[in-house]
Amino acid sequence: MLRKALNIFISRIKNESYLIDERVPGGYLLRLLRIRTFMKLRGFMRFPGRAHPPFVGRGAVILCKKNIAMGRGVTIDERTYIDAISTGGVKLGDNVSVGKNTRIECSGSLRHLGKGLVVGNNVGLGTDNFFGCAGGIEIGSDTIIGNFVSFHSENHNFSRLDVPIRLQGVNHRGIRIGSNCWIGAKCTILDGAVIEDGCIIAAGALIRENVYAKNGIYGGVPAKLIKYRVHED
């Protein structure tokens, strides 16, 4: 009965069919249900009055909550850090999960507020990841992001030799990730990168400022096209 009830409940939240593997023990499900219940209660307390409060894990640090907009079924897991101070804030679509130990920082400096983060529906932002959103990061729906991935939408100016680099300011181009992409573990995504829909980025790749064409598979340091995805009957 518990498994059936959870299948129905999760399917409603995700707005798609969801079936828990029959091999998952009932005791495990009970423990998970208890954890998720407390996470939802934290969401109600941390975001009072919200139509769709998120699931919030223990030790999560969330700053400038008024700048955070969320859809249904959002999870902010244990020990995450979100600082949403920026001009655009943080916008998380339905069923977005922010994994354990992931950091989202929207401004590199209080001298100049950053742009922020926009995420579509059904996106997993991974665990142990870093999102530097000063120049703006956009991630399309149904995209998967592996673990230990870092996004840096800001560059330091360094043209002058008579002024320390730290005093020469920064520039921003922003990062855009399309829908239905898969970003592998330990990738580094730099400012100015545009990854179009359907791309796969191999684990450990370095993505520099460039346009990465739709449905391409890219890998290496720096990343280069390996091949294009093709439909196989």
C-alpha atoms as a PDB file:
ATOM      1  CA  MET A   1       0.000   0.000   0.000  1.00  0.00           C
ATOM      2  CA  LEU A   2       2.817   2.411   0.882  1.00  0.00           C
ATOM      3  CA  ARG A   3       4.591   1.789  -2.430  1.00  0.00           C
ATOM      4  CA  LYS A   4       1.391   2.314  -4.392  1.00  0.00           C
ATOM      5  CA  ALA A   5       0.565   5.516  -2.502  1.00  0.00           C
ATOM      6  CA  LEU A   6       4.082   6.868  -3.075  1.00  0.00           C
ATOM      7  CA  ASN A   7       3.902   6.036  -6.784  1.00  0.00           C
ATOM      8  CA  ILE A   8       0.680   8.032  -7.082  1.00  0.00           C
ATOM      9  CA  PHE A   9       1.983  10.922  -4.981  1.00  0.00           C
ATOM     10  CA  ILE A  10       5.309  11.242  -6.818  1.00  0.00           C
ATOM     11  CA  SER A  11       3.612  10.911 -10.223  1.00  0.00           C
ATOM     12  CA  ARG A  12       1.294  13.791  -9.341  1.00  0.00           C
ATOM     13  CA  ILE A  13       4.180  16.006  -8.230  1.00  0.00           C
ATOM     14  CA  LYS A  14       6.259  15.232 -11.306  1.00  0.00           C
ATOM     15  CA  ASN A  15       3.268  15.244 -13.647  1.00  0.00           C
ATOM     16  CA  GLU A  16       4.536  12.044 -15.251  1.00  0.00           C
ATOM     17  CA  SER A  17       4.362   8.343 -14.488  1.00  0.00           C
ATOM     18  CA  TYR A  18       6.737   7.251 -11.711  1.00  0.00           C
ATOM     19  CA  LEU A  19       7.079   3.683 -10.423  1.00  0.00           C
ATOM     20  CA  ILE A  20       9.376   2.742  -7.549  1.00  0.00           C
ATOM     21  CA  ASP A  21      11.416  -0.416  -8.179  1.00  0.00           C
ATOM     22  CA  GLU A  22       9.762  -3.400  -6.492  1.00  0.00           C
ATOM     23  CA  ARG A  23      13.124  -4.403  -4.978  1.00  0.00           C
ATOM     24  CA  VAL A  24      13.287  -1.288  -2.774  1.00  0.00           C
ATOM     25  CA  PRO A  25      12.551  -2.474   0.815  1.00  0.00           C
ATOM     26  CA  GLY A  26       9.567  -1.083   2.693  1.00  0.00           C
ATOM     27  CA  GLY A  27      11.804   0.074   5.562  1.00  0.00           C
ATOM     28  CA  TYR A  28      13.874   2.144   3.155  1.00  0.00           C
ATOM     29  CA  LEU A  29      10.705   3.772   1.800  1.00  0.00           C
ATOM     30  CA  LEU A  30       9.487   4.586   5.311  1.00  0.00           C
ATOM     31  CA  ARG A  31      12.794   6.245   6.162  1.00  0.00           C
ATOM     32  CA  LEU A  32      12.759   8.212   2.908  1.00  0.00           C
ATOM     33  CA  LEU A  33       9.165   9.281   3.537  1.00  0.00           C
ATOM     34  CA  ARG A  34      10.124  10.552   6.993  1.00  0.00           C
ATOM     35  CA  ILE A  35      13.077  12.514   5.593  1.00  0.00           C
ATOM     36  CA  ARG A  36      10.989  14.069   2.820  1.00  0.00           C
ATOM     37  CA  THR A  37       8.222  14.976   5.262  1.00  0.00           C
ATOM     38  CA  PHE A  38      10.681  16.923   7.429  1.00  0.00           C
ATOM     39  CA  MET A  39      12.142  18.538   4.305  1.00  0.00           C
ATOM     40  CA  LYS A  40       8.682  19.744   3.274  1.00  0.00           C
ATOM     41  CA  LEU A  41       8.040  21.103   6.789  1.00  0.00           C
ATOM     42  CA  ARG A  42      11.302  23.055   6.569  1.00  0.00           C
ATOM     43  CA  GLY A  43      10.122  24.390   3.230  1.00  0.00           C
ATOM     44  CA  PHE A  44       6.913  25.694   4.804  1.00  0.00           C
ATOM     45  CA  MET A  45       8.903  27.360   7.585  1.00  0.00           C
ATOM     46  CA  ARG A  46      11.612  28.837   5.351  1.00  0.00           C
ATOM     47  CA  PHE A  47       9.183  30.036   2.647  1.00  0.00           C
ATOM     48  CA  PRO A  48       5.942  30.901   4.479  1.00  0.00           C
ATOM     49  CA  GLY A  49       3.037  31.840   2.291  1.00  0.00           C
ATOM     50  CA  ARG A  50       4.499  30.358  -0.895  1.00  0.00           C
ATOM     51  CA  ALA A  51       2.089  28.451  -3.140  1.00  0.00           C
ATOM     52  CA  HIS A  52       4.678  25.711  -3.693  1.00  0.00           C
ATOM     53  CA  PRO A  53       7.186  25.568  -0.829  1.00  0.00           C
ATOM     54  CA  PRO A  54      10.223  23.414  -1.650  1.00  0.00           C
ATOM     55  CA  PHE A  55      11.654  20.386   0.095  1.00  0.00           C
ATOM     56  CA  VAL A  56      14.571  21.783   2.131  1.00  0.00           C
ATOM     57  CA  GLY A  57      17.348  19.590   3.542  1.00  0.00           C
ATOM     58  CA  ARG A  58      19.255  20.002   6.773  1.00  0.00           C
ATOM     59  CA  GLY A  59      22.007  22.616   6.820  1.00  0.00           C
ATOM     60  CA  ALA A  60      20.800  24.421   3.679  1.00  0.00           C
ATOM     61  CA  VAL A  61      21.736  28.112   3.622  1.00  0.00           C
ATOM     62  CA  ILE A  62      19.371  30.301   1.587  1.00  0.00           C
ATOM     63  CA  LEU A  63      19.974  34.050   1.336  1.00  0.00           C
ATOM     64  CA  CYS A  64      17.746  36.738  -0.183  1.00  0.00           C
ATOM     65  CA  LYS A  65      14.741  34.408  -0.380  1.00  0.00           C
ATOM     66  CA  LYS A  66      12.511  37.117  -1.844  1.00  0.00           C
ATOM     67  CA  ASN A  67      14.569  36.845  -5.043  1.00  0.00           C
ATOM     68  CA  ILE A  68      13.845  33.132  -5.430  1.00  0.00           C
ATOM     69  CA  ALA A  69      10.884  31.938  -7.530  1.00  0.00           C
ATOM     70  CA  MET A  70      10.034  28.232  -7.627  1.00  0.00           C
ATOM     71  CA  GLY A  71       7.628  25.887  -9.335  1.00  0.00           C
ATOM     72  CA  ARG A  72       6.160  22.664  -7.968  1.00  0.00           C
ATOM     73  CA  GLY A  73       8.228  19.870  -6.455  1.00  0.00           C
ATOM     74  CA  VAL A  74      11.524  21.761  -6.032  1.00  0.00           C
ATOM     75  CA  THR A  75      14.161  20.145  -3.796  1.00  0.00           C
ATOM     76  CA  ILE A  76      16.942  22.094  -2.076  1.00  0.00           C
ATOM     77  CA  ASP A  77      18.995  19.322  -0.548  1.00  0.00           C
ATOM     78  CA  GLU A  78      21.293  19.107   2.468  1.00  0.00           C
ATOM     79  CA  ARG A  79      24.128  21.627   2.885  1.00  0.00           C
ATOM     80  CA  THR A  80      23.296  23.557  -0.258  1.00  0.00           C
ATOM     81  CA  TYR A  81      24.115  27.275  -0.392  1.00  0.00           C
ATOM     82  CA  ILE A  82      21.992  29.703  -2.400  1.00  0.00           C
ATOM     83  CA  ASP A  83      22.692  33.444  -2.412  1.00  0.00           C
ATOM     84  CA  ALA A  84      20.077  34.979  -4.700  1.00  0.00           C
ATOM     85  CA  ILE A  85      21.069  38.639  -4.381  1.00  0.00           C
ATOM     86  CA  SER A  86      21.124  39.847  -8.002  1.00  0.00           C
ATOM     87  CA  THR A  87      19.077  41.787 -10.541  1.00  0.00           C
ATOM     88  CA  GLY A  88      17.235  38.707 -11.824  1.00  0.00           C
ATOM     89  CA  GLY A  89      17.322  36.408  -8.813  1.00  0.00           C
ATOM     90  CA  VAL A  90      16.938  32.636  -9.009  1.00  0.00           C
ATOM     91  CA  LYS A  91      14.070  31.080 -10.951  1.00  0.00           C
ATOM     92  CA  LEU A  92      13.617  27.316 -10.602  1.00  0.00           C
ATOM     93  CA  GLY A  93      10.983  25.509 -12.669  1.00  0.00           C
ATOM     94  CA  ASP A  94       8.893  22.492 -11.705  1.00  0.00           C
ATOM     95  CA  ASN A  95      10.701  19.433 -10.300  1.00  0.00           C
ATOM     96  CA  VAL A  96      14.116  21.070 -10.124  1.00  0.00           C
ATOM     97  CA  SER A  97      16.531  19.480  -7.662  1.00  0.00           C
ATOM     98  CA  VAL A  98      19.538  21.256  -6.177  1.00  0.00           C
ATOM     99  CA  GLY A  99      21.807  18.453  -4.948  1.00  0.00           C
ATOM    100  CA  LYS A 100      23.781  18.158  -1.745  1.00  0.00           C
ATOM    101  CA  ASN A 101      26.658  20.618  -1.212  1.00  0.00           C
ATOM    102  CA  THR A 102      25.855  22.601  -4.361  1.00  0.00           C
ATOM    103  CA  ARG A 103      26.505  26.375  -4.307  1.00  0.00           C
ATOM    104  CA  ILE A 104      24.579  28.984  -6.273  1.00  0.00           C
ATOM    105  CA  GLU A 105      26.131  32.451  -6.039  1.00  0.00           C
ATOM    106  CA  CYS A 106      24.439  35.146  -8.101  1.00  0.00           C
ATOM    107  CA  SER A 107      26.809  38.065  -7.505  1.00  0.00           C
ATOM    108  CA  GLY A 108      30.583  38.017  -7.405  1.00  0.00           C
ATOM    109  CA  SER A 109      30.714  41.363  -5.617  1.00  0.00           C
ATOM    110  CA  LEU A 110      28.306  43.717  -3.877  1.00  0.00           C
ATOM    111  CA  ARG A 111      29.781  46.568  -5.938  1.00  0.00           C
ATOM    112  CA  HIS A 112      27.895  45.328  -8.987  1.00  0.00           C
ATOM    113  CA  LEU A 113      24.990  42.916  -8.639  1.00  0.00           C
ATOM    114  CA  GLY A 114      24.984  39.895 -10.926  1.00  0.00           C
ATOM    115  CA  LYS A 115      22.216  38.700 -13.236  1.00  0.00           C
ATOM    116  CA  GLY A 116      21.168  35.399 -11.640  1.00  0.00           C
ATOM    117  CA  LEU A 117      20.001  31.925 -12.617  1.00  0.00           C
ATOM    118  CA  VAL A 118      17.025  30.686 -14.670  1.00  0.00           C
ATOM    119  CA  VAL A 119      16.278  26.948 -14.762  1.00  0.00           C
ATOM    120  CA  GLY A 120      13.524  25.179 -16.707  1.00  0.00           C
ATOM    121  CA  ASN A 121      11.424  22.198 -15.637  1.00  0.00           C
ATOM    122  CA  ASN A 122      12.678  18.734 -14.654  1.00  0.00           C
ATOM    123  CA  VAL A 123      16.313  19.726 -14.237  1.00  0.00           C
ATOM    124  CA  GLY A 124      18.792  18.115 -11.853  1.00  0.00           C
ATOM    125  CA  LEU A 125      21.492  20.587 -10.821  1.00  0.00           C
ATOM    126  CA  GLY A 126      23.686  17.830  -9.388  1.00  0.00           C
ATOM    127  CA  THR A 127      25.653  17.488  -6.160  1.00  0.00           C
ATOM    128  CA  ASP A 128      28.875  19.273  -5.159  1.00  0.00           C
ATOM    129  CA  ASN A 129      28.441  21.748  -8.015  1.00  0.00           C
ATOM    130  CA  PHE A 130      29.180  25.470  -8.308  1.00  0.00           C
ATOM    131  CA  PHE A 131      27.045  27.984 -10.203  1.00  0.00           C
ATOM    132  CA  GLY A 132      28.653  31.408 -10.482  1.00  0.00           C
ATOM    133  CA  CYS A 133      25.744  33.369 -11.923  1.00  0.00           C
ATOM    134  CA  ALA A 134      27.057  36.946 -12.020  1.00  0.00           C
ATOM    135  CA  GLY A 135      26.856  37.054 -15.825  1.00  0.00           C
ATOM    136  CA  GLY A 136      23.630  35.088 -15.940  1.00  0.00           C
ATOM    137  CA  ILE A 137      23.082  31.355 -16.409  1.00  0.00           C
ATOM    138  CA  GLU A 138      20.115  29.878 -18.278  1.00  0.00           C
ATOM    139  CA  ILE A 139      19.424  26.130 -18.289  1.00  0.00           C
ATOM    140  CA  GLY A 140      16.632  24.609 -20.383  1.00  0.00           C
ATOM    141  CA  SER A 141      14.128  21.979 -19.337  1.00  0.00           C
ATOM    142  CA  ASP A 142      14.943  18.260 -19.013  1.00  0.00           C
ATOM    143  CA  THR A 143      18.673  18.850 -18.744  1.00  0.00           C
ATOM    144  CA  ILE A 144      20.846  16.606 -16.551  1.00  0.00           C
ATOM    145  CA  ILE A 145      23.932  17.954 -14.797  1.00  0.00           C
ATOM    146  CA  GLY A 146      26.441  15.566 -13.259  1.00  0.00           C
ATOM    147  CA  ASN A 147      28.424  16.021 -10.059  1.00  0.00           C
ATOM    148  CA  PHE A 148      31.422  18.298  -9.420  1.00  0.00           C
ATOM    149  CA  VAL A 149      30.513  20.578 -12.342  1.00  0.00           C
ATOM    150  CA  SER A 150      31.365  24.297 -12.195  1.00  0.00           C
ATOM    151  CA  PHE A 151      29.846  27.223 -14.097  1.00  0.00           C
ATOM    152  CA  HIS A 152      31.681  30.565 -14.283  1.00  0.00           C
ATOM    153  CA  SER A 153      29.726  33.331 -16.052  1.00  0.00           C
ATOM    154  CA  GLU A 154      32.288  36.021 -15.285  1.00  0.00           C
ATOM    155  CA  ASN A 155      35.791  36.924 -16.456  1.00  0.00           C
ATOM    156  CA  HIS A 156      38.395  39.258 -14.962  1.00  0.00           C
ATOM    157  CA  ASN A 157      39.771  42.082 -17.091  1.00  0.00           C
ATOM    158  CA  PHE A 158      43.581  41.955 -17.247  1.00  0.00           C
ATOM    159  CA  SER A 159      44.763  44.152 -20.137  1.00  0.00           C
ATOM    160  CA  ARG A 160      46.554  46.752 -17.991  1.00  0.00           C
ATOM    161  CA  LEU A 161      49.954  45.949 -16.501  1.00  0.00           C
ATOM    162  CA  ASP A 162      50.046  48.952 -14.184  1.00  0.00           C
ATOM    163  CA  VAL A 163      46.891  47.966 -12.256  1.00  0.00           C
ATOM    164  CA  PRO A 164      46.390  44.766 -10.223  1.00  0.00           C
ATOM    165  CA  ILE A 165      44.053  42.353 -11.988  1.00  0.00           C
ATOM    166  CA  ARG A 166      41.721  42.338  -8.999  1.00  0.00           C
ATOM    167  CA  LEU A 167      41.148  46.099  -9.517  1.00  0.00           C
ATOM    168  CA  GLN A 168      40.489  45.990 -13.283  1.00  0.00           C
ATOM    169  CA  GLY A 169      36.902  44.846 -12.970  1.00  0.00           C
ATOM    170  CA  VAL A 170      35.073  42.015 -14.677  1.00  0.00           C
ATOM    171  CA  ASN A 171      33.088  41.363 -17.836  1.00  0.00           C
ATOM    172  CA  HIS A 172      30.104  39.115 -18.499  1.00  0.00           C
ATOM    173  CA  ARG A 173      28.708  37.293 -21.512  1.00  0.00           C
ATOM    174  CA  GLY A 174      26.591  34.745 -19.705  1.00  0.00           C
ATOM    175  CA  ILE A 175      26.104  30.997 -20.122  1.00  0.00           C
ATOM    176  CA  ARG A 176      23.190  29.335 -21.912  1.00  0.00           C
ATOM    177  CA  ILE A 177      22.453  25.611 -21.760  1.00  0.00           C
ATOM    178  CA  GLY A 178      19.641  24.286 -23.939  1.00  0.00           C
ATOM    179  CA  SER A 179      16.952  21.738 -23.202  1.00  0.00           C
ATOM    180  CA  ASN A 180      17.505  17.974 -23.045  1.00  0.00           C
ATOM    181  CA  CYS A 181      21.269  18.239 -22.519  1.00  0.00           C
ATOM    182  CA  TRP A 182      23.530  15.993 -20.456  1.00  0.00           C
ATOM    183  CA  ILE A 183      26.488  17.690 -18.786  1.00  0.00           C
ATOM    184  CA  GLY A 184      28.916  15.045 -17.515  1.00  0.00           C
ATOM    185  CA  ALA A 185      30.685  14.985 -14.163  1.00  0.00           C
ATOM    186  CA  LYS A 186      33.602  17.357 -13.456  1.00  0.00           C
ATOM    187  CA  CYS A 187      32.983  19.608 -16.452  1.00  0.00           C
ATOM    188  CA  THR A 188      33.953  23.274 -16.350  1.00  0.00           C
ATOM    189  CA  ILE A 189      31.666  25.701 -18.207  1.00  0.00           C
ATOM    190  CA  LEU A 190      33.138  29.166 -18.833  1.00  0.00           C
ATOM    191  CA  ASP A 191      31.567  32.531 -19.582  1.00  0.00           C
ATOM    192  CA  GLY A 192      30.235  32.945 -23.101  1.00  0.00           C
ATOM    193  CA  ALA A 193      29.436  29.273 -23.653  1.00  0.00           C
ATOM    194  CA  VAL A 194      26.231  28.486 -25.554  1.00  0.00           C
ATOM    195  CA  ILE A 195      25.300  24.802 -25.518  1.00  0.00           C
ATOM    196  CA  GLU A 196      22.342  24.189 -27.790  1.00  0.00           C
ATOM    197  CA  ASP A 197      19.505  21.685 -27.285  1.00  0.00           C
ATOM    198  CA  GLY A 198      20.234  17.982 -27.101  1.00  0.00           C
ATOM    199  CA  CYS A 199      23.992  18.203 -26.511  1.00  0.00           C
ATOM    200  CA  ILE A 200      26.088  15.782 -24.484  1.00  0.00           C
ATOM    201  CA  ILE A 201      29.234  17.071 -22.783  1.00  0.00           C
ATOM    202  CA  ALA A 202      31.678  14.328 -21.820  1.00  0.00           C
ATOM    203  CA  ALA A 203      32.936  14.076 -18.251  1.00  0.00           C
ATOM    204  CA  GLY A 204      35.851  16.373 -17.464  1.00  0.00           C
ATOM    205  CA  ALA A 205      35.408  18.588 -20.523  1.00  0.00           C
ATOM    206  CA  LEU A 206      36.357  22.268 -20.583  1.00  0.00           C
ATOM    207  CA  ILE A 207      33.677  24.330 -22.326  1.00  0.00           C
ATOM    208  CA  ARG A 208      35.015  27.712 -23.426  1.00  0.00           C
ATOM    209  CA  GLU A 209      33.256  30.669 -25.035  1.00  0.00           C
ATOM    210  CA  ASN A 210      31.733  29.218 -28.191  1.00  0.00           C
ATOM    211  CA  VAL A 211      28.504  27.891 -29.672  1.00  0.00           C
ATOM    212  CA  TYR A 212      28.137  24.131 -29.328  1.00  0.00           C
ATOM    213  CA  ALA A 213      25.723  23.007 -32.026  1.00  0.00           C
ATOM    214  CA  LYS A 214      22.480  21.155 -31.381  1.00  0.00           C
ATOM    215  CA  ASN A 215      22.670  17.392 -30.671  1.00  0.00           C
ATOM    216  CA  GLY A 216      26.461  17.389 -30.668  1.00  0.00           C
ATOM    217  CA  ILE A 217      28.655  15.247 -28.398  1.00  0.00           C
ATOM    218  CA  TYR A 218      31.658  17.209 -27.163  1.00  0.00           C
ATOM    219  CA  GLY A 219      34.642  16.238 -25.045  1.00  0.00           C
ATOM    220  CA  GLY A 220      38.223  17.162 -24.200  1.00  0.00           C
ATOM    221  CA  VAL A 221      40.240  20.096 -22.846  1.00  0.00           C
ATOM    222  CA  PRO A 222      39.252  22.297 -24.537  1.00  0.00           C
ATOM    223  CA  ALA A 223      36.115  20.520 -25.733  1.00  0.00           C
ATOM    224  CA  LYS A 224      35.776  19.632 -29.395  1.00  0.00           C
ATOM    225  CA  LEU A 225      33.048  17.950 -31.413  1.00  0.00           C
ATOM    226  CA  ILE A 226      33.290  14.158 -31.238  1.00  0.00           C
ATOM    227  CA  LYS A 227      30.202  13.370 -33.293  1.00  0.00           C
ATOM    228  CA  TYR A 228      26.522  14.190 -33.604  1.00  0.00           C
ATOM    229  CA  ARG A 229      23.775  12.179 -31.999  1.00  0.00           C
ATOM    230  CA  VAL A 230      21.778  10.150 -34.517  1.00  0.00           C
ATOM    231  CA  HIS A 231      18.474   8.328 -34.169  1.00  0.00           C
ATOM    232  CA  GLU A 232      18.907   4.555 -34.135  1.00  0.00           C
ATOM    233  CA  ASP A 233      15.926   2.341 -35.010  1.00  0.00           C
END
